PDB file of all heavy atoms in Angstrom:
ATOM      1  N   LEU A   1      11.280  11.207   2.049  1.00  0.00           N
ATOM      2  CA  LEU A   1       9.943  11.461   2.743  1.00  0.00           C
ATOM      3  C   LEU A   1       9.562   9.980   3.160  1.00  0.00           C
ATOM      4  O   LEU A   1       9.943   9.062   2.531  1.00  0.00           O
ATOM      5  CB  LEU A   1       8.950  11.868   1.799  1.00  0.00           C
ATOM      6  CG  LEU A   1       8.738  13.379   1.559  1.00  0.00           C
ATOM      7  CD1 LEU A   1       7.664  13.605   0.453  1.00  0.00           C
ATOM      8  CD2 LEU A   1       8.458  14.085   2.780  1.00  0.00           C
ATOM      9  N   THR A   2       8.758  10.057   4.232  1.00  0.00           N
ATOM     10  CA  THR A   2       8.096   8.742   4.745  1.00  0.00           C
ATOM     11  C   THR A   2       6.610   8.940   4.792  1.00  0.00           C
ATOM     12  O   THR A   2       6.109   9.912   5.428  1.00  0.00           O
ATOM     13  CB  THR A   2       8.716   8.392   6.124  1.00  0.00           C
ATOM     14  OG1 THR A   2      10.075   8.246   5.974  1.00  0.00           O
ATOM     15  CG2 THR A   2       8.057   7.128   6.581  1.00  0.00           C
ATOM     16  N   LEU A   3       5.960   8.091   4.115  1.00  0.00           N
ATOM     17  CA  LEU A   3       4.473   8.078   4.052  1.00  0.00           C
ATOM     18  C   LEU A   3       4.007   7.130   5.054  1.00  0.00           C
ATOM     19  O   LEU A   3       4.501   6.034   5.273  1.00  0.00           O
ATOM     20  CB  LEU A   3       3.927   7.736   2.646  1.00  0.00           C
ATOM     21  CG  LEU A   3       4.379   8.597   1.595  1.00  0.00           C
ATOM     22  CD1 LEU A   3       3.725   8.172   0.228  1.00  0.00           C
ATOM     23  CD2 LEU A   3       4.120  10.051   1.773  1.00  0.00           C
ATOM     24  N   SER A   4       2.839   7.342   5.760  1.00  0.00           N
ATOM     25  CA  SER A   4       2.313   6.582   6.672  1.00  0.00           C
ATOM     26  C   SER A   4       0.630   6.292   6.265  1.00  0.00           C
ATOM     27  O   SER A   4       0.143   7.192   5.732  1.00  0.00           O
ATOM     28  CB  SER A   4       2.184   7.160   8.131  1.00  0.00           C
ATOM     29  OG  SER A   4       3.562   7.436   8.488  1.00  0.00           O
ATOM     30  N   CYS A   5       0.260   5.099   6.614  1.00  0.00           N
ATOM     31  CA  CYS A   5      -1.106   4.808   6.387  1.00  0.00           C
ATOM     32  C   CYS A   5      -1.658   4.074   7.541  1.00  0.00           C
ATOM     33  O   CYS A   5      -1.148   2.981   7.912  1.00  0.00           O
ATOM     34  CB  CYS A   5      -1.120   3.871   5.085  1.00  0.00           C
ATOM     35  SG  CYS A   5      -2.747   3.128   4.713  1.00  0.00           S
ATOM     36  N   VAL A   6      -2.538   4.689   8.216  1.00  0.00           N
ATOM     37  CA  VAL A   6      -3.253   4.073   9.345  1.00  0.00           C
ATOM     38  C   VAL A   6      -4.504   3.530   9.072  1.00  0.00           C
ATOM     39  O   VAL A   6      -5.361   4.180   8.442  1.00  0.00           O
ATOM     40  CB  VAL A   6      -3.369   5.236  10.485  1.00  0.00           C
ATOM     41  CG1 VAL A   6      -3.925   4.546  11.687  1.00  0.00           C
ATOM     42  CG2 VAL A   6      -2.111   5.863  10.810  1.00  0.00           C
ATOM     43  N   ALA A   7      -4.666   2.250   9.445  1.00  0.00           N
ATOM     44  CA  ALA A   7      -5.866   1.524   9.103  1.00  0.00           C
ATOM     45  C   ALA A   7      -6.648   1.549  10.437  1.00  0.00           C
ATOM     46  O   ALA A   7      -6.352   0.930  11.398  1.00  0.00           O
ATOM     47  CB  ALA A   7      -5.599   0.099   8.689  1.00  0.00           C
ATOM     48  N   SER A   8      -7.980   2.053  10.418  1.00  0.00           N
ATOM     49  CA  SER A   8      -8.733   2.095  11.574  1.00  0.00           C
ATOM     50  C   SER A   8      -9.223   0.825  12.087  1.00  0.00           C
ATOM     51  O   SER A   8      -9.395   0.577  13.275  1.00  0.00           O
ATOM     52  CB  SER A   8     -10.097   2.954  11.277  1.00  0.00           C
ATOM     53  OG  SER A   8     -10.748   2.376  10.169  1.00  0.00           O
ATOM     54  N   GLY A   9      -9.246  -0.289  11.094  1.00  0.00           N
ATOM     55  CA  GLY A   9      -9.655  -1.634  11.428  1.00  0.00           C
ATOM     56  C   GLY A   9      -8.459  -2.532  11.769  1.00  0.00           C
ATOM     57  O   GLY A   9      -8.620  -3.652  11.890  1.00  0.00           O
ATOM     58  N   GLY A  10      -7.261  -1.989  11.755  1.00  0.00           N
ATOM     59  CA  GLY A  10      -6.085  -2.806  11.907  1.00  0.00           C
ATOM     60  C   GLY A  10      -5.640  -3.419  10.666  1.00  0.00           C
ATOM     61  O   GLY A  10      -6.307  -3.593   9.755  1.00  0.00           O
ATOM     62  N   ILE A  11      -4.379  -3.910  10.811  1.00  0.00           N
ATOM     63  CA  ILE A  11      -3.755  -4.607   9.628  1.00  0.00           C
ATOM     64  C   ILE A  11      -3.369  -6.057   9.900  1.00  0.00           C
ATOM     65  O   ILE A  11      -2.847  -6.751   9.052  1.00  0.00           O
ATOM     66  CB  ILE A  11      -2.564  -3.811   9.108  1.00  0.00           C
ATOM     67  CG1 ILE A  11      -1.442  -3.789  10.223  1.00  0.00           C
ATOM     68  CG2 ILE A  11      -2.919  -2.303   8.654  1.00  0.00           C
ATOM     69  CD1 ILE A  11      -0.155  -3.209   9.667  1.00  0.00           C
ATOM     70  N   PHE A  12      -3.719  -6.493  11.161  1.00  0.00           N
ATOM     71  CA  PHE A  12      -3.189  -7.797  11.461  1.00  0.00           C
ATOM     72  C   PHE A  12      -3.740  -8.990  10.533  1.00  0.00           C
ATOM     73  O   PHE A  12      -2.926  -9.798  10.262  1.00  0.00           O
ATOM     74  CB  PHE A  12      -3.822  -8.051  12.943  1.00  0.00           C
ATOM     75  CG  PHE A  12      -3.357  -9.415  13.361  1.00  0.00           C
ATOM     76  CD1 PHE A  12      -1.967  -9.726  13.803  1.00  0.00           C
ATOM     77  CD2 PHE A  12      -4.250 -10.563  13.485  1.00  0.00           C
ATOM     78  CE1 PHE A  12      -1.584 -11.009  14.210  1.00  0.00           C
ATOM     79  CE2 PHE A  12      -3.808 -11.765  13.889  1.00  0.00           C
ATOM     80  CZ  PHE A  12      -2.495 -12.024  14.268  1.00  0.00           C
ATOM     81  N   ARG A  13      -4.916  -8.772  10.002  1.00  0.00           N
ATOM     82  CA  ARG A  13      -5.505  -9.816   9.202  1.00  0.00           C
ATOM     83  C   ARG A  13      -5.355  -9.472   7.690  1.00  0.00           C
ATOM     84  O   ARG A  13      -5.853 -10.288   6.855  1.00  0.00           O
ATOM     85  CB  ARG A  13      -6.901 -10.054   9.584  1.00  0.00           C
ATOM     86  CG  ARG A  13      -7.185 -10.759  10.873  1.00  0.00           C
ATOM     87  CD  ARG A  13      -8.629 -11.016  11.183  1.00  0.00           C
ATOM     88  NE  ARG A  13      -8.727 -11.717  12.399  1.00  0.00           N
ATOM     89  CZ  ARG A  13      -8.946 -11.156  13.498  1.00  0.00           C
ATOM     90  NH1 ARG A  13      -8.797  -9.905  13.607  1.00  0.00           N
ATOM     91  NH2 ARG A  13      -8.999 -11.821  14.568  1.00  0.00           N
ATOM     92  N   ALA A  14      -4.635  -8.423   7.302  1.00  0.00           N
ATOM     93  CA  ALA A  14      -4.577  -8.047   5.874  1.00  0.00           C
ATOM     94  C   ALA A  14      -3.657  -9.062   5.192  1.00  0.00           C
ATOM     95  O   ALA A  14      -2.551  -9.475   5.659  1.00  0.00           O
ATOM     96  CB  ALA A  14      -3.924  -6.540   5.817  1.00  0.00           C
ATOM     97  N   ALA A  15      -4.112  -9.436   3.966  1.00  0.00           N
ATOM     98  CA  ALA A  15      -3.348 -10.350   3.169  1.00  0.00           C
ATOM     99  C   ALA A  15      -2.353  -9.635   2.307  1.00  0.00           C
ATOM    100  O   ALA A  15      -1.208 -10.261   2.102  1.00  0.00           O
ATOM    101  CB  ALA A  15      -4.328 -11.135   2.226  1.00  0.00           C
ATOM    102  N   VAL A  16      -2.686  -8.406   1.885  1.00  0.00           N
ATOM    103  CA  VAL A  16      -1.765  -7.629   1.070  1.00  0.00           C
ATOM    104  C   VAL A  16      -1.884  -6.142   1.595  1.00  0.00           C
ATOM    105  O   VAL A  16      -3.040  -5.654   1.745  1.00  0.00           O
ATOM    106  CB  VAL A  16      -2.117  -7.696  -0.395  1.00  0.00           C
ATOM    107  CG1 VAL A  16      -1.187  -6.753  -1.180  1.00  0.00           C
ATOM    108  CG2 VAL A  16      -1.902  -9.117  -0.923  1.00  0.00           C
ATOM    109  N   MET A  17      -0.628  -5.519   1.860  1.00  0.00           N
ATOM    110  CA  MET A  17      -0.626  -4.114   1.992  1.00  0.00           C
ATOM    111  C   MET A  17       0.235  -3.426   0.930  1.00  0.00           C
ATOM    112  O   MET A  17       1.244  -4.089   0.622  1.00  0.00           O
ATOM    113  CB  MET A  17       0.050  -3.857   3.314  1.00  0.00           C
ATOM    114  CG  MET A  17      -0.753  -4.415   4.479  1.00  0.00           C
ATOM    115  SD  MET A  17       0.234  -4.869   5.979  1.00  0.00           S
ATOM    116  CE  MET A  17       0.681  -6.571   5.361  1.00  0.00           C
ATOM    117  N   ALA A  18      -0.222  -2.372   0.303  1.00  0.00           N
ATOM    118  CA  ALA A  18       0.463  -1.868  -0.774  1.00  0.00           C
ATOM    119  C   ALA A  18       0.328  -0.417  -0.837  1.00  0.00           C
ATOM    120  O   ALA A  18      -0.469   0.272  -0.219  1.00  0.00           O
ATOM    121  CB  ALA A  18      -0.034  -2.473  -2.135  1.00  0.00           C
ATOM    122  N   TRP A  19       1.231   0.086  -1.734  1.00  0.00           N
ATOM    123  CA  TRP A  19       1.169   1.644  -2.167  1.00  0.00           C
ATOM    124  C   TRP A  19       1.159   1.646  -3.661  1.00  0.00           C
ATOM    125  O   TRP A  19       1.841   0.906  -4.315  1.00  0.00           O
ATOM    126  CB  TRP A  19       2.386   2.337  -1.649  1.00  0.00           C
ATOM    127  CG  TRP A  19       2.487   2.548  -0.150  1.00  0.00           C
ATOM    128  CD1 TRP A  19       3.083   1.692   0.694  1.00  0.00           C
ATOM    129  CD2 TRP A  19       1.988   3.627   0.527  1.00  0.00           C
ATOM    130  NE1 TRP A  19       2.877   2.145   1.877  1.00  0.00           N
ATOM    131  CE2 TRP A  19       2.156   3.342   1.904  1.00  0.00           C
ATOM    132  CE3 TRP A  19       1.194   4.741   0.190  1.00  0.00           C
ATOM    133  CZ2 TRP A  19       1.841   4.298   2.925  1.00  0.00           C
ATOM    134  CZ3 TRP A  19       0.852   5.694   1.187  1.00  0.00           C
ATOM    135  CH2 TRP A  19       1.161   5.414   2.564  1.00  0.00           C
ATOM    136  N   TYR A  20       0.357   2.532  -4.201  1.00  0.00           N
ATOM    137  CA  TYR A  20       0.151   2.902  -5.531  1.00  0.00           C
ATOM    138  C   TYR A  20       0.365   4.391  -5.587  1.00  0.00           C
ATOM    139  O   TYR A  20       0.206   5.161  -4.628  1.00  0.00           O
ATOM    140  CB  TYR A  20      -1.240   2.463  -6.087  1.00  0.00           C
ATOM    141  CG  TYR A  20      -1.368   0.996  -6.218  1.00  0.00           C
ATOM    142  CD1 TYR A  20      -1.600   0.083  -5.191  1.00  0.00           C
ATOM    143  CD2 TYR A  20      -1.402   0.406  -7.515  1.00  0.00           C
ATOM    144  CE1 TYR A  20      -1.731  -1.223  -5.398  1.00  0.00           C
ATOM    145  CE2 TYR A  20      -1.589  -0.924  -7.685  1.00  0.00           C
ATOM    146  CZ  TYR A  20      -1.769  -1.786  -6.661  1.00  0.00           C
ATOM    147  OH  TYR A  20      -1.854  -3.153  -6.742  1.00  0.00           O
ATOM    148  N   ARG A  21       0.638   4.796  -6.891  1.00  0.00           N
ATOM    149  CA  ARG A  21       0.699   6.237  -7.141  1.00  0.00           C
ATOM    150  C   ARG A  21      -0.017   6.620  -8.426  1.00  0.00           C
ATOM    151  O   ARG A  21      -0.133   5.808  -9.362  1.00  0.00           O
ATOM    152  CB  ARG A  21       2.048   6.696  -7.028  1.00  0.00           C
ATOM    153  CG  ARG A  21       2.966   6.179  -8.186  1.00  0.00           C
ATOM    154  CD  ARG A  21       4.450   6.588  -7.900  1.00  0.00           C
ATOM    155  NE  ARG A  21       5.309   6.314  -8.943  1.00  0.00           N
ATOM    156  CZ  ARG A  21       6.675   6.382  -8.923  1.00  0.00           C
ATOM    157  NH1 ARG A  21       7.179   6.951  -7.863  1.00  0.00           N
ATOM    158  NH2 ARG A  21       7.405   5.907  -9.943  1.00  0.00           N
ATOM    159  N   GLN A  22      -0.308   7.901  -8.527  1.00  0.00           N
ATOM    160  CA  GLN A  22      -0.866   8.269  -9.759  1.00  0.00           C
ATOM    161  C   GLN A  22      -0.406   9.791 -10.073  1.00  0.00           C
ATOM    162  O   GLN A  22      -0.729  10.699  -9.353  1.00  0.00           O
ATOM    163  CB  GLN A  22      -2.464   8.337  -9.698  1.00  0.00           C
ATOM    164  CG  GLN A  22      -3.178   8.706 -11.052  1.00  0.00           C
ATOM    165  CD  GLN A  22      -4.635   8.386 -11.000  1.00  0.00           C
ATOM    166  OE1 GLN A  22      -5.314   8.250  -9.998  1.00  0.00           O
ATOM    167  NE2 GLN A  22      -5.227   8.310 -12.168  1.00  0.00           N
ATOM    168  N   ALA A  23       0.238   9.804 -11.138  1.00  0.00           N
ATOM    169  CA  ALA A  23       0.772  11.103 -11.567  1.00  0.00           C
ATOM    170  C   ALA A  23      -0.238  11.816 -12.453  1.00  0.00           C
ATOM    171  O   ALA A  23      -1.164  11.126 -13.048  1.00  0.00           O
ATOM    172  CB  ALA A  23       2.118  10.965 -12.329  1.00  0.00           C
ATOM    173  N   PRO A  24      -0.308  13.142 -12.668  1.00  0.00           N
ATOM    174  CA  PRO A  24      -1.145  13.872 -13.456  1.00  0.00           C
ATOM    175  C   PRO A  24      -1.201  13.335 -14.867  1.00  0.00           C
ATOM    176  O   PRO A  24      -0.160  13.210 -15.514  1.00  0.00           O
ATOM    177  CB  PRO A  24      -0.630  15.298 -13.414  1.00  0.00           C
ATOM    178  CG  PRO A  24       0.159  15.427 -12.168  1.00  0.00           C
ATOM    179  CD  PRO A  24       0.782  14.072 -11.901  1.00  0.00           C
ATOM    180  N   GLY A  25      -2.364  12.995 -15.356  1.00  0.00           N
ATOM    181  CA  GLY A  25      -2.533  12.551 -16.605  1.00  0.00           C
ATOM    182  C   GLY A  25      -2.223  11.042 -16.948  1.00  0.00           C
ATOM    183  O   GLY A  25      -2.175  10.609 -18.149  1.00  0.00           O
ATOM    184  N   LYS A  26      -1.845  10.334 -15.896  1.00  0.00           N
ATOM    185  CA  LYS A  26      -1.458   8.966 -16.085  1.00  0.00           C
ATOM    186  C   LYS A  26      -2.272   8.085 -15.231  1.00  0.00           C
ATOM    187  O   LYS A  26      -3.003   8.554 -14.364  1.00  0.00           O
ATOM    188  CB  LYS A  26       0.096   8.760 -15.591  1.00  0.00           C
ATOM    189  CG  LYS A  26       1.085   9.599 -16.456  1.00  0.00           C
ATOM    190  CD  LYS A  26       2.517   9.139 -16.060  1.00  0.00           C
ATOM    191  CE  LYS A  26       3.511   9.848 -16.961  1.00  0.00           C
ATOM    192  NZ  LYS A  26       4.800   9.514 -16.544  1.00  0.00           N
ATOM    193  N   ASP A  27      -2.284   6.726 -15.495  1.00  0.00           N
ATOM    194  CA  ASP A  27      -2.969   5.768 -14.746  1.00  0.00           C
ATOM    195  C   ASP A  27      -2.289   5.522 -13.388  1.00  0.00           C
ATOM    196  O   ASP A  27      -1.249   5.689 -13.217  1.00  0.00           O
ATOM    197  CB  ASP A  27      -3.105   4.432 -15.559  1.00  0.00           C
ATOM    198  CG  ASP A  27      -3.893   4.561 -16.784  1.00  0.00           C
ATOM    199  OD1 ASP A  27      -4.775   5.478 -16.908  1.00  0.00           O
ATOM    200  OD2 ASP A  27      -3.630   3.861 -17.762  1.00  0.00           O
ATOM    201  N   ARG A  28      -3.127   5.048 -12.441  1.00  0.00           N
ATOM    202  CA  ARG A  28      -2.625   4.592 -11.239  1.00  0.00           C
ATOM    203  C   ARG A  28      -1.642   3.477 -11.381  1.00  0.00           C
ATOM    204  O   ARG A  28      -1.957   2.452 -12.168  1.00  0.00           O
ATOM    205  CB  ARG A  28      -3.710   4.267 -10.172  1.00  0.00           C
ATOM    206  CG  ARG A  28      -3.278   4.147  -8.785  1.00  0.00           C
ATOM    207  CD  ARG A  28      -4.447   3.938  -7.870  1.00  0.00           C
ATOM    208  NE  ARG A  28      -5.290   5.165  -7.859  1.00  0.00           N
ATOM    209  CZ  ARG A  28      -6.302   5.329  -7.018  1.00  0.00           C
ATOM    210  NH1 ARG A  28      -6.574   4.479  -6.076  1.00  0.00           N
ATOM    211  NH2 ARG A  28      -7.005   6.441  -7.031  1.00  0.00           N
ATOM    212  N   GLU A  29      -0.535   3.502 -10.764  1.00  0.00           N
ATOM    213  CA  GLU A  29       0.417   2.393 -10.998  1.00  0.00           C
ATOM    214  C   GLU A  29       0.913   1.854  -9.624  1.00  0.00           C
ATOM    215  O   GLU A  29       0.942   2.585  -8.604  1.00  0.00           O
ATOM    216  CB  GLU A  29       1.651   2.927 -11.777  1.00  0.00           C
ATOM    217  CG  GLU A  29       2.521   4.101 -11.078  1.00  0.00           C
ATOM    218  CD  GLU A  29       3.730   4.392 -11.735  1.00  0.00           C
ATOM    219  OE1 GLU A  29       4.020   3.834 -12.909  1.00  0.00           O
ATOM    220  OE2 GLU A  29       4.571   5.041 -11.235  1.00  0.00           O
ATOM    221  N   PHE A  30       1.351   0.623  -9.668  1.00  0.00           N
ATOM    222  CA  PHE A  30       1.931  -0.096  -8.487  1.00  0.00           C
ATOM    223  C   PHE A  30       3.237   0.533  -8.186  1.00  0.00           C
ATOM    224  O   PHE A  30       4.097   0.855  -8.967  1.00  0.00           O
ATOM    225  CB  PHE A  30       2.106  -1.593  -8.722  1.00  0.00           C
ATOM    226  CG  PHE A  30       2.683  -2.332  -7.842  1.00  0.00           C
ATOM    227  CD1 PHE A  30       2.144  -2.780  -6.675  1.00  0.00           C
ATOM    228  CD2 PHE A  30       4.094  -2.627  -8.004  1.00  0.00           C
ATOM    229  CE1 PHE A  30       2.849  -3.456  -5.809  1.00  0.00           C
ATOM    230  CE2 PHE A  30       4.788  -3.422  -7.135  1.00  0.00           C
ATOM    231  CZ  PHE A  30       4.148  -3.870  -5.868  1.00  0.00           C
ATOM    232  N   VAL A  31       3.451   0.592  -6.787  1.00  0.00           N
ATOM    233  CA  VAL A  31       4.748   1.047  -6.272  1.00  0.00           C
ATOM    234  C   VAL A  31       5.375   0.005  -5.512  1.00  0.00           C
ATOM    235  O   VAL A  31       6.504  -0.369  -5.781  1.00  0.00           O
ATOM    236  CB  VAL A  31       4.621   2.339  -5.383  1.00  0.00           C
ATOM    237  CG1 VAL A  31       5.864   2.727  -4.824  1.00  0.00           C
ATOM    238  CG2 VAL A  31       4.012   3.545  -6.245  1.00  0.00           C
ATOM    239  N   ALA A  32       4.627  -0.514  -4.443  1.00  0.00           N
ATOM    240  CA  ALA A  32       5.299  -1.508  -3.485  1.00  0.00           C
ATOM    241  C   ALA A  32       4.154  -2.180  -2.852  1.00  0.00           C
ATOM    242  O   ALA A  32       3.080  -1.681  -2.599  1.00  0.00           O
ATOM    243  CB  ALA A  32       6.226  -0.862  -2.507  1.00  0.00           C
ATOM    244  N   SER A  33       4.558  -3.497  -2.335  1.00  0.00           N
ATOM    245  CA  SER A  33       3.529  -4.271  -1.635  1.00  0.00           C
ATOM    246  C   SER A  33       4.304  -5.216  -0.712  1.00  0.00           C
ATOM    247  O   SER A  33       5.436  -5.550  -0.738  1.00  0.00           O
ATOM    248  CB  SER A  33       2.710  -5.121  -2.577  1.00  0.00           C
ATOM    249  OG  SER A  33       3.392  -6.105  -3.236  1.00  0.00           O
ATOM    250  N   MET A  34       3.469  -5.716   0.292  1.00  0.00           N
ATOM    251  CA  MET A  34       3.982  -6.574   1.224  1.00  0.00           C
ATOM    252  C   MET A  34       2.754  -7.552   1.603  1.00  0.00           C
ATOM    253  O   MET A  34       1.640  -7.109   1.835  1.00  0.00           O
ATOM    254  CB  MET A  34       4.405  -5.868   2.518  1.00  0.00           C
ATOM    255  CG  MET A  34       4.765  -6.780   3.762  1.00  0.00           C
ATOM    256  SD  MET A  34       5.029  -5.850   5.256  1.00  0.00           S
ATOM    257  CE  MET A  34       6.547  -5.020   4.829  1.00  0.00           C
ATOM    258  N   ASP A  35       3.098  -8.839   1.596  1.00  0.00           N
ATOM    259  CA  ASP A  35       1.996  -9.794   1.958  1.00  0.00           C
ATOM    260  C   ASP A  35       1.999 -10.174   3.410  1.00  0.00           C
ATOM    261  O   ASP A  35       3.025  -9.670   4.102  1.00  0.00           O
ATOM    262  CB  ASP A  35       1.920 -10.988   1.031  1.00  0.00           C
ATOM    263  CG  ASP A  35       3.204 -11.872   1.170  1.00  0.00           C
ATOM    264  OD1 ASP A  35       3.929 -11.828   2.226  1.00  0.00           O
ATOM    265  OD2 ASP A  35       3.493 -12.649   0.282  1.00  0.00           O
ATOM    266  N   ASN A  36       1.153 -11.029   3.816  1.00  0.00           N
ATOM    267  CA  ASN A  36       1.130 -11.365   5.319  1.00  0.00           C
ATOM    268  C   ASN A  36       2.354 -12.226   5.677  1.00  0.00           C
ATOM    269  O   ASN A  36       2.514 -12.504   6.865  1.00  0.00           O
ATOM    270  CB  ASN A  36      -0.175 -11.987   5.681  1.00  0.00           C
ATOM    271  CG  ASN A  36      -0.610 -13.148   4.837  1.00  0.00           C
ATOM    272  OD1 ASN A  36       0.200 -13.615   4.091  1.00  0.00           O
ATOM    273  ND2 ASN A  36      -1.850 -13.552   5.034  1.00  0.00           N
ATOM    274  N   GLY A  37       3.107 -12.672   4.795  1.00  0.00           N
ATOM    275  CA  GLY A  37       4.318 -13.377   4.969  1.00  0.00           C
ATOM    276  C   GLY A  37       5.517 -12.496   4.954  1.00  0.00           C
ATOM    277  O   GLY A  37       6.638 -12.991   5.029  1.00  0.00           O
ATOM    278  N   ALA A  38       5.251 -11.131   4.804  1.00  0.00           N
ATOM    279  CA  ALA A  38       6.271 -10.162   4.867  1.00  0.00           C
ATOM    280  C   ALA A  38       7.156 -10.117   3.563  1.00  0.00           C
ATOM    281  O   ALA A  38       8.184  -9.685   3.601  1.00  0.00           O
ATOM    282  CB  ALA A  38       7.177 -10.202   6.147  1.00  0.00           C
ATOM    283  N   ARG A  39       6.648 -10.801   2.569  1.00  0.00           N
ATOM    284  CA  ARG A  39       7.358 -10.893   1.256  1.00  0.00           C
ATOM    285  C   ARG A  39       7.008  -9.442   0.607  1.00  0.00           C
ATOM    286  O   ARG A  39       5.850  -9.048   0.571  1.00  0.00           O
ATOM    287  CB  ARG A  39       6.821 -11.840   0.345  1.00  0.00           C
ATOM    288  CG  ARG A  39       7.371 -13.358   0.694  1.00  0.00           C
ATOM    289  CD  ARG A  39       6.874 -14.381  -0.185  1.00  0.00           C
ATOM    290  NE  ARG A  39       5.443 -14.594  -0.066  1.00  0.00           N
ATOM    291  CZ  ARG A  39       4.942 -15.520   0.787  1.00  0.00           C
ATOM    292  NH1 ARG A  39       5.672 -16.304   1.448  1.00  0.00           N
ATOM    293  NH2 ARG A  39       3.663 -15.544   0.916  1.00  0.00           N
TER     294      ARG A  39
END
């Protein structure tokens, strides 16, 4: 699957872009991130 996230204000100035997930009965957890240096 491919998830998409569209930002109405744009992402050009974003310092960090990330995905998190939350399974039933569990806390939200980190999945992946990218900083403005593409790391």
